[in-house]
């Protein structure tokens, strides 16, 4: 079995949805649901639809800031817009 590596020809960025350093509450929710991919100064985070659904369930019994709810709603909107079950975010 082999896995081939292909060059990336084009990356198109959308608007920033959250801040990896400053939206701590949201980042902590991601960590609780095993979503965060390692990053230090920057990197990538892959968020899947299932994790956001689990986070949404968590919010039924936990109070979070309005901004955190807005981030979750924006990501849900992107899932529908892109027609994907996961989104990769570049953090820089």
Protein backbone atom coordinates (compact mmCIF):
# COMPACT_ATOMS: atom_id res chain seq x y z
CA UNK A 1 0.00 0.00 0.00
CA UNK A 2 1.22 3.49 -0.76
CA UNK A 3 0.09 7.01 -0.14
CA UNK A 4 1.01 9.58 -2.73
CA UNK A 5 1.71 13.22 -2.01
CA UNK A 6 0.29 15.86 -4.32
CA UNK A 7 1.24 19.53 -4.45
CA UNK A 8 -1.38 22.07 -3.51
CA UNK A 9 -2.04 24.36 -6.45
CA UNK A 10 -4.32 26.87 -4.81
CA UNK A 11 -5.54 27.71 -1.33
CA UNK A 12 -8.41 30.14 -1.05
CA UNK A 13 -9.09 31.58 2.40
CA UNK A 14 -12.47 32.72 3.64
CA UNK A 15 -13.04 35.20 6.45
CA UNK A 16 -11.68 34.42 9.89
CA UNK A 17 -14.24 32.52 11.99
CA UNK A 18 -12.42 32.39 15.32
CA UNK A 19 -9.13 33.34 16.93
CA UNK A 20 -7.00 30.37 17.99
CA UNK A 21 -5.43 32.31 20.84
CA UNK A 22 -8.21 34.57 22.08
CA UNK A 23 -11.35 32.42 21.76
CA UNK A 24 -10.24 30.22 24.65
CA UNK A 25 -13.71 29.02 25.58
CA UNK A 26 -14.33 27.71 22.07
CA UNK A 27 -10.86 26.15 21.86
CA UNK A 28 -11.46 24.39 25.20
CA UNK A 29 -14.72 22.95 23.88
CA UNK A 30 -12.83 21.62 20.85
CA UNK A 31 -10.23 20.03 23.11
CA UNK A 32 -12.94 18.39 25.22
CA UNK A 33 -14.24 16.74 22.06
CA UNK A 34 -10.80 15.65 20.77
CA UNK A 35 -10.92 18.02 17.83
CA UNK A 36 -7.79 20.15 18.08
CA UNK A 37 -4.90 19.15 15.87
CA UNK A 38 -1.55 20.19 17.32
CA UNK A 39 -0.49 23.75 16.71
CA UNK A 40 1.78 26.10 18.54
CA UNK A 41 2.35 29.44 16.85
CA UNK A 42 0.11 28.38 13.99
CA UNK A 43 -1.04 25.27 12.22
CA UNK A 44 -4.27 23.59 11.20
CA UNK A 45 -7.41 22.54 13.01
CA UNK A 46 -9.81 20.08 11.41
CA UNK A 47 -13.32 20.40 12.77
CA UNK A 48 -15.90 17.82 11.83
CA UNK A 49 -19.68 18.07 11.85
CA UNK A 50 -20.01 15.35 14.50
CA UNK A 51 -17.80 17.22 16.98
CA UNK A 52 -19.82 20.41 16.53
CA UNK A 53 -23.03 18.42 17.10
CA UNK A 54 -21.52 17.02 20.32
CA UNK A 55 -20.52 20.52 21.40
CA UNK A 56 -24.04 21.74 20.64
CA UNK A 57 -25.35 18.99 22.98
CA UNK A 58 -22.90 20.10 25.68
CA UNK A 59 -24.27 23.64 25.44
CA UNK A 60 -27.70 22.40 26.52
CA UNK A 61 -26.30 21.99 30.04
CA UNK A 62 -23.53 24.58 30.07
CA UNK A 63 -23.53 28.35 29.80
CA UNK A 64 -21.06 29.83 27.34
CA UNK A 65 -20.39 33.31 26.01
CA UNK A 66 -22.45 34.72 23.16
CA UNK A 67 -19.31 34.86 21.01
CA UNK A 68 -18.74 31.12 21.44
CA UNK A 69 -22.30 30.38 20.31
CA UNK A 70 -21.76 32.63 17.30
CA UNK A 71 -18.59 30.75 16.33
CA UNK A 72 -20.43 27.43 16.50
CA UNK A 73 -23.32 28.78 14.42
CA UNK A 74 -20.88 30.12 11.80
CA UNK A 75 -19.13 26.76 11.52
CA UNK A 76 -22.48 24.97 11.16
CA UNK A 77 -23.37 27.41 8.39
CA UNK A 78 -20.06 26.66 6.64
CA UNK A 79 -20.73 22.90 6.75
CA UNK A 80 -23.97 23.49 4.89
CA UNK A 81 -22.46 26.04 2.51
CA UNK A 82 -19.50 23.81 1.59
CA UNK A 83 -21.49 20.55 1.66
CA UNK A 84 -18.73 18.93 3.70
CA UNK A 85 -18.59 16.96 6.96
CA UNK A 86 -15.31 18.58 8.02
CA UNK A 87 -13.53 21.90 7.54
CA UNK A 88 -9.81 22.53 7.90
CA UNK A 89 -8.89 25.89 9.41
CA UNK A 90 -5.42 27.36 8.93
CA UNK A 91 -4.34 29.29 12.01
CA UNK A 92 -1.83 32.04 11.45
